[in-house]
């Protein structure tokens, strides 16, 4: 959880500075924590395969006002993980992905 919180702080700082590349690097770091903890190579390989497809959406999102909402969602997710609340963690994760998906619908 501490590693996720540190990455989220770097993510928030990058968003505030308008540094999209640094925001994406911090976001990757943040999301790599549970993948590494799971030690599941299939998940890691699947994410590695789809990450390039997400980059365009991430650049669009992290360069916009909703990026600040991502910081809050990451904080909520870290709180849920720290509390051991699996249901909340899953719900927040679904929200994060759903919010990213809405960018597909935005012209």
N, C-alpha and C. Protein backbone atom coordinates (compact mmCIF):
# COMPACT_ATOMS: atom_id res chain seq x y z
N UNK A 1 0.83 -1.19 0.00
CA UNK A 1 0.00 0.00 0.00
C UNK A 1 0.88 1.25 0.00
N UNK A 2 1.97 1.22 0.74
CA UNK A 2 2.87 2.38 0.78
C UNK A 2 3.44 2.68 -0.61
N UNK A 3 3.78 1.63 -1.36
CA UNK A 3 4.30 1.83 -2.72
C UNK A 3 3.24 2.46 -3.62
N UNK A 4 2.00 2.01 -3.48
CA UNK A 4 0.90 2.58 -4.27
C UNK A 4 0.68 4.04 -3.91
N UNK A 5 0.71 4.34 -2.61
CA UNK A 5 0.50 5.73 -2.18
C UNK A 5 1.63 6.64 -2.68
N UNK A 6 2.86 6.14 -2.64
CA UNK A 6 3.98 6.92 -3.16
C UNK A 6 3.84 7.19 -4.64
N UNK A 7 3.45 6.16 -5.38
CA UNK A 7 3.25 6.33 -6.82
C UNK A 7 2.10 7.30 -7.09
N UNK A 8 1.06 7.23 -6.27
CA UNK A 8 -0.08 8.14 -6.46
C UNK A 8 0.32 9.59 -6.17
N UNK A 9 1.20 9.78 -5.20
CA UNK A 9 1.70 11.13 -4.93
C UNK A 9 2.47 11.66 -6.13
N UNK A 10 3.32 10.81 -6.71
CA UNK A 10 4.06 11.21 -7.91
C UNK A 10 3.10 11.46 -9.08
N UNK A 11 2.06 10.65 -9.17
CA UNK A 11 1.04 10.82 -10.20
C UNK A 11 0.34 12.18 -10.03
N UNK A 12 -0.08 12.48 -8.80
CA UNK A 12 -0.76 13.75 -8.53
C UNK A 12 0.14 14.94 -8.85
N UNK A 13 1.40 14.84 -8.45
CA UNK A 13 2.35 15.92 -8.73
C UNK A 13 2.53 16.12 -10.24
N UNK A 14 2.61 15.02 -10.98
CA UNK A 14 2.78 15.11 -12.43
C UNK A 14 1.54 15.72 -13.09
N UNK A 15 0.36 15.32 -12.62
CA UNK A 15 -0.89 15.88 -13.16
C UNK A 15 -0.92 17.38 -12.90
N UNK A 16 -0.59 17.77 -11.66
CA UNK A 16 -0.61 19.19 -11.29
C UNK A 16 0.38 19.99 -12.14
N UNK A 17 1.49 19.37 -12.50
CA UNK A 17 2.51 20.05 -13.31
C UNK A 17 2.21 19.99 -14.81
N UNK A 18 1.18 19.22 -15.18
CA UNK A 18 0.87 19.06 -16.59
C UNK A 18 1.85 18.18 -17.33
N UNK A 19 2.58 17.35 -16.60
CA UNK A 19 3.59 16.46 -17.18
C UNK A 19 2.95 15.10 -17.43
N UNK A 20 2.37 14.95 -18.61
CA UNK A 20 1.61 13.74 -18.92
C UNK A 20 2.51 12.51 -18.95
N UNK A 21 3.71 12.62 -19.49
CA UNK A 21 4.62 11.47 -19.54
C UNK A 21 4.95 10.99 -18.13
N UNK A 22 5.22 11.91 -17.21
CA UNK A 22 5.51 11.52 -15.82
C UNK A 22 4.27 10.95 -15.16
N UNK A 23 3.09 11.48 -15.49
CA UNK A 23 1.84 10.95 -14.93
C UNK A 23 1.64 9.51 -15.37
N UNK A 24 1.89 9.23 -16.63
CA UNK A 24 1.73 7.87 -17.14
C UNK A 24 2.74 6.94 -16.49
N UNK A 25 3.97 7.39 -16.32
CA UNK A 25 4.99 6.57 -15.66
C UNK A 25 4.58 6.25 -14.22
N UNK A 26 4.08 7.25 -13.51
CA UNK A 26 3.65 7.03 -12.12
C UNK A 26 2.42 6.13 -12.08
N UNK A 27 1.51 6.30 -13.04
CA UNK A 27 0.32 5.46 -13.10
C UNK A 27 0.72 4.01 -13.36
N UNK A 28 1.68 3.80 -14.26
CA UNK A 28 2.18 2.45 -14.51
C UNK A 28 2.77 1.86 -13.23
N UNK A 29 3.56 2.65 -12.54
CA UNK A 29 4.17 2.19 -11.29
C UNK A 29 3.10 1.81 -10.27
N UNK A 30 2.09 2.65 -10.17
CA UNK A 30 0.99 2.41 -9.23
C UNK A 30 0.28 1.09 -9.54
N UNK A 31 -0.01 0.86 -10.81
CA UNK A 31 -0.74 -0.35 -11.20
C UNK A 31 0.15 -1.59 -11.23
N UNK A 32 1.46 -1.40 -11.32
CA UNK A 32 2.37 -2.55 -11.30
C UNK A 32 2.48 -3.18 -9.92
N UNK A 33 2.17 -2.43 -8.88
CA UNK A 33 2.31 -2.95 -7.51
C UNK A 33 1.48 -4.21 -7.29
N UNK A 34 0.16 -4.20 -7.55
CA UNK A 34 -0.60 -5.43 -7.31
C UNK A 34 -0.26 -6.54 -8.29
N UNK A 35 0.14 -6.17 -9.50
CA UNK A 35 0.52 -7.19 -10.49
C UNK A 35 1.77 -7.92 -10.00
N UNK A 36 2.74 -7.17 -9.51
CA UNK A 36 3.95 -7.79 -8.97
C UNK A 36 3.64 -8.61 -7.73
N UNK A 37 2.76 -8.10 -6.88
CA UNK A 37 2.41 -8.83 -5.66
C UNK A 37 1.70 -10.14 -5.97
N UNK A 38 0.92 -10.15 -7.05
CA UNK A 38 0.19 -11.36 -7.42
C UNK A 38 1.12 -12.43 -7.99
N UNK A 39 2.26 -12.00 -8.50
CA UNK A 39 3.23 -12.93 -9.11
C UNK A 39 2.57 -13.83 -10.16
N UNK A 40 1.68 -13.23 -10.91
CA UNK A 40 0.95 -13.95 -11.94
C UNK A 40 1.43 -13.46 -13.30
N UNK A 41 2.26 -14.27 -13.94
CA UNK A 41 2.85 -13.87 -15.21
C UNK A 41 1.81 -13.71 -16.31
N UNK A 42 0.70 -14.46 -16.22
CA UNK A 42 -0.34 -14.33 -17.24
C UNK A 42 -0.99 -12.95 -17.18
N UNK A 43 -1.25 -12.46 -15.98
CA UNK A 43 -1.82 -11.12 -15.83
C UNK A 43 -0.83 -10.09 -16.35
N UNK A 44 0.42 -10.23 -15.95
CA UNK A 44 1.45 -9.28 -16.39
C UNK A 44 1.56 -9.27 -17.91
N UNK A 45 1.53 -10.44 -18.53
CA UNK A 45 1.64 -10.53 -19.98
C UNK A 45 0.42 -9.92 -20.67
N UNK A 46 -0.75 -10.15 -20.12
CA UNK A 46 -1.97 -9.59 -20.69
C UNK A 46 -1.95 -8.07 -20.61
N UNK A 47 -1.57 -7.55 -19.46
CA UNK A 47 -1.49 -6.09 -19.31
C UNK A 47 -0.44 -5.51 -20.25
N UNK A 48 0.69 -6.18 -20.38
CA UNK A 48 1.74 -5.70 -21.28
C UNK A 48 1.24 -5.66 -22.73
N UNK A 49 0.41 -6.62 -23.07
CA UNK A 49 -0.12 -6.68 -24.43
C UNK A 49 -1.10 -5.54 -24.70
N UNK A 50 -1.93 -5.19 -23.70
CA UNK A 50 -2.97 -4.19 -23.91
C UNK A 50 -2.57 -2.77 -23.53
N UNK A 51 -1.49 -2.61 -22.80
CA UNK A 51 -1.07 -1.28 -22.37
C UNK A 51 -0.88 -0.31 -23.54
N UNK A 52 -0.24 -0.72 -24.63
CA UNK A 52 -0.09 0.23 -25.75
C UNK A 52 -1.44 0.74 -26.28
N UNK A 53 -2.47 -0.08 -26.21
CA UNK A 53 -3.79 0.35 -26.67
C UNK A 53 -4.40 1.40 -25.75
N UNK A 54 -4.00 1.36 -24.50
CA UNK A 54 -4.55 2.31 -23.52
C UNK A 54 -3.85 3.66 -23.54
N UNK A 55 -2.66 3.73 -24.10
CA UNK A 55 -1.87 4.95 -24.02
C UNK A 55 -2.60 6.17 -24.58
N UNK A 56 -3.26 6.03 -25.72
CA UNK A 56 -3.95 7.18 -26.31
C UNK A 56 -5.03 7.70 -25.37
N UNK A 57 -5.77 6.77 -24.75
CA UNK A 57 -6.80 7.18 -23.79
C UNK A 57 -6.18 7.85 -22.57
N UNK A 58 -5.06 7.29 -22.10
CA UNK A 58 -4.40 7.87 -20.93
C UNK A 58 -3.89 9.27 -21.24
N UNK A 59 -3.31 9.46 -22.40
CA UNK A 59 -2.84 10.80 -22.76
C UNK A 59 -4.01 11.78 -22.80
N UNK A 60 -5.14 11.34 -23.32
CA UNK A 60 -6.32 12.21 -23.37
C UNK A 60 -6.83 12.51 -21.97
N UNK A 61 -6.90 11.50 -21.13
CA UNK A 61 -7.44 11.68 -19.79
C UNK A 61 -6.50 12.49 -18.91
N UNK A 62 -5.23 12.14 -18.92
CA UNK A 62 -4.29 12.79 -18.01
C UNK A 62 -4.01 14.23 -18.42
N UNK A 63 -4.39 14.60 -19.61
CA UNK A 63 -4.24 15.98 -20.04
C UNK A 63 -5.52 16.79 -19.84
N UNK A 64 -6.45 16.25 -19.05
CA UNK A 64 -7.74 16.92 -18.86
C UNK A 64 -8.09 17.03 -17.39
N UNK A 65 -9.16 17.76 -17.12
CA UNK A 65 -9.63 17.94 -15.75
C UNK A 65 -9.95 16.62 -15.05
N UNK A 66 -10.55 15.63 -15.72
CA UNK A 66 -10.85 14.37 -15.03
C UNK A 66 -9.62 13.65 -14.48
N UNK A 67 -8.44 14.06 -14.88
CA UNK A 67 -7.22 13.44 -14.34
C UNK A 67 -7.17 13.58 -12.83
N UNK A 68 -7.66 14.69 -12.32
CA UNK A 68 -7.66 14.89 -10.87
C UNK A 68 -8.57 13.88 -10.18
N UNK A 69 -9.60 13.44 -10.90
CA UNK A 69 -10.48 12.40 -10.36
C UNK A 69 -9.72 11.08 -10.27
N UNK A 70 -8.80 10.83 -11.19
CA UNK A 70 -7.99 9.61 -11.14
C UNK A 70 -7.15 9.56 -9.87
N UNK A 71 -6.62 10.71 -9.47
CA UNK A 71 -5.84 10.77 -8.23
C UNK A 71 -6.71 10.33 -7.06
N UNK A 72 -7.93 10.85 -7.00
CA UNK A 72 -8.85 10.48 -5.92
C UNK A 72 -9.20 9.00 -5.98
N UNK A 73 -9.46 8.49 -7.17
CA UNK A 73 -9.80 7.06 -7.31
C UNK A 73 -8.64 6.19 -6.82
N UNK A 74 -7.41 6.57 -7.16
CA UNK A 74 -6.26 5.80 -6.72
C UNK A 74 -6.14 5.82 -5.20
N UNK A 75 -6.44 6.97 -4.59
CA UNK A 75 -6.42 7.06 -3.13
C UNK A 75 -7.48 6.17 -2.53
N UNK A 76 -8.67 6.20 -3.09
CA UNK A 76 -9.77 5.34 -2.62
C UNK A 76 -9.39 3.87 -2.74
N UNK A 77 -8.74 3.51 -3.83
CA UNK A 77 -8.33 2.13 -4.04
C UNK A 77 -7.29 1.71 -3.01
N UNK A 78 -6.32 2.55 -2.76
CA UNK A 78 -5.31 2.25 -1.74
C UNK A 78 -5.95 2.10 -0.37
N UNK A 79 -6.92 2.96 -0.06
CA UNK A 79 -7.63 2.87 1.22
C UNK A 79 -8.37 1.54 1.34
N UNK A 80 -9.03 1.13 0.28
CA UNK A 80 -9.78 -0.13 0.30
C UNK A 80 -8.85 -1.32 0.46
N UNK A 81 -7.73 -1.30 -0.25
CA UNK A 81 -6.76 -2.39 -0.13
C UNK A 81 -6.20 -2.44 1.28
N UNK A 82 -5.84 -1.28 1.81
CA UNK A 82 -5.29 -1.22 3.16
C UNK A 82 -6.29 -1.73 4.19
N UNK A 83 -7.58 -1.47 3.97
CA UNK A 83 -8.62 -1.91 4.89
C UNK A 83 -9.00 -3.38 4.67
N UNK A 84 -8.46 -3.98 3.61
CA UNK A 84 -8.80 -5.37 3.31
C UNK A 84 -10.21 -5.52 2.75
N UNK A 85 -10.75 -4.45 2.20
CA UNK A 85 -12.11 -4.45 1.66
C UNK A 85 -12.06 -4.80 0.18
N UNK A 86 -12.13 -6.09 -0.10
CA UNK A 86 -12.02 -6.60 -1.47
C UNK A 86 -13.15 -6.08 -2.34
N UNK A 87 -14.37 -6.08 -1.80
CA UNK A 87 -15.52 -5.61 -2.59
C UNK A 87 -15.35 -4.16 -3.01
N UNK A 88 -14.93 -3.32 -2.09
CA UNK A 88 -14.73 -1.90 -2.42
C UNK A 88 -13.59 -1.75 -3.42
N UNK A 89 -12.51 -2.49 -3.24
CA UNK A 89 -11.38 -2.41 -4.17
C UNK A 89 -11.81 -2.81 -5.58
N UNK A 90 -12.60 -3.85 -5.69
CA UNK A 90 -13.09 -4.29 -7.00
C UNK A 90 -14.02 -3.24 -7.61
N UNK A 91 -14.89 -2.66 -6.80
CA UNK A 91 -15.82 -1.65 -7.29
C UNK A 91 -15.07 -0.40 -7.77
N UNK A 92 -14.07 0.01 -7.02
CA UNK A 92 -13.29 1.19 -7.41
C UNK A 92 -12.50 0.91 -8.68
N UNK A 93 -11.94 -0.28 -8.79
CA UNK A 93 -11.21 -0.65 -10.00
C UNK A 93 -12.14 -0.61 -11.21
N UNK A 94 -13.35 -1.14 -11.04
CA UNK A 94 -14.33 -1.10 -12.13
C UNK A 94 -14.66 0.34 -12.52
N UNK A 95 -14.77 1.21 -11.53
CA UNK A 95 -15.05 2.63 -11.80
C UNK A 95 -13.92 3.27 -12.58
N UNK A 96 -12.69 2.97 -12.18
CA UNK A 96 -11.52 3.52 -12.89
C UNK A 96 -11.56 3.13 -14.36
N UNK A 97 -11.80 1.86 -14.63
CA UNK A 97 -11.83 1.39 -16.02
C UNK A 97 -13.02 1.97 -16.76
N UNK A 98 -14.16 2.09 -16.10
CA UNK A 98 -15.35 2.63 -16.75
C UNK A 98 -15.15 4.09 -17.11
N UNK A 99 -14.54 4.85 -16.20
CA UNK A 99 -14.27 6.26 -16.50
C UNK A 99 -13.31 6.41 -17.67
N UNK A 100 -12.34 5.53 -17.76
CA UNK A 100 -11.41 5.57 -18.89
C UNK A 100 -12.14 5.20 -20.18
N UNK A 101 -13.04 4.24 -20.07
CA UNK A 101 -13.80 3.79 -21.24
C UNK A 101 -14.67 4.91 -21.82
N UNK A 102 -15.15 5.82 -20.96
CA UNK A 102 -16.01 6.90 -21.47
C UNK A 102 -15.27 7.80 -22.46
N UNK A 103 -13.95 7.81 -22.39
CA UNK A 103 -13.19 8.61 -23.36
C UNK A 103 -13.33 8.07 -24.77
N UNK A 104 -13.65 6.78 -24.90
CA UNK A 104 -13.88 6.20 -26.22
C UNK A 104 -15.11 6.82 -26.87
N UNK A 105 -16.05 7.26 -26.02
CA UNK A 105 -17.31 7.80 -26.51
C UNK A 105 -17.23 9.30 -26.75
N UNK A 106 -16.14 9.93 -26.31
CA UNK A 106 -15.99 11.37 -26.46
C UNK A 106 -15.33 11.68 -27.80
N UNK A 107 -15.97 12.54 -28.60
CA UNK A 107 -15.38 12.85 -29.91
C UNK A 107 -14.08 13.62 -29.80
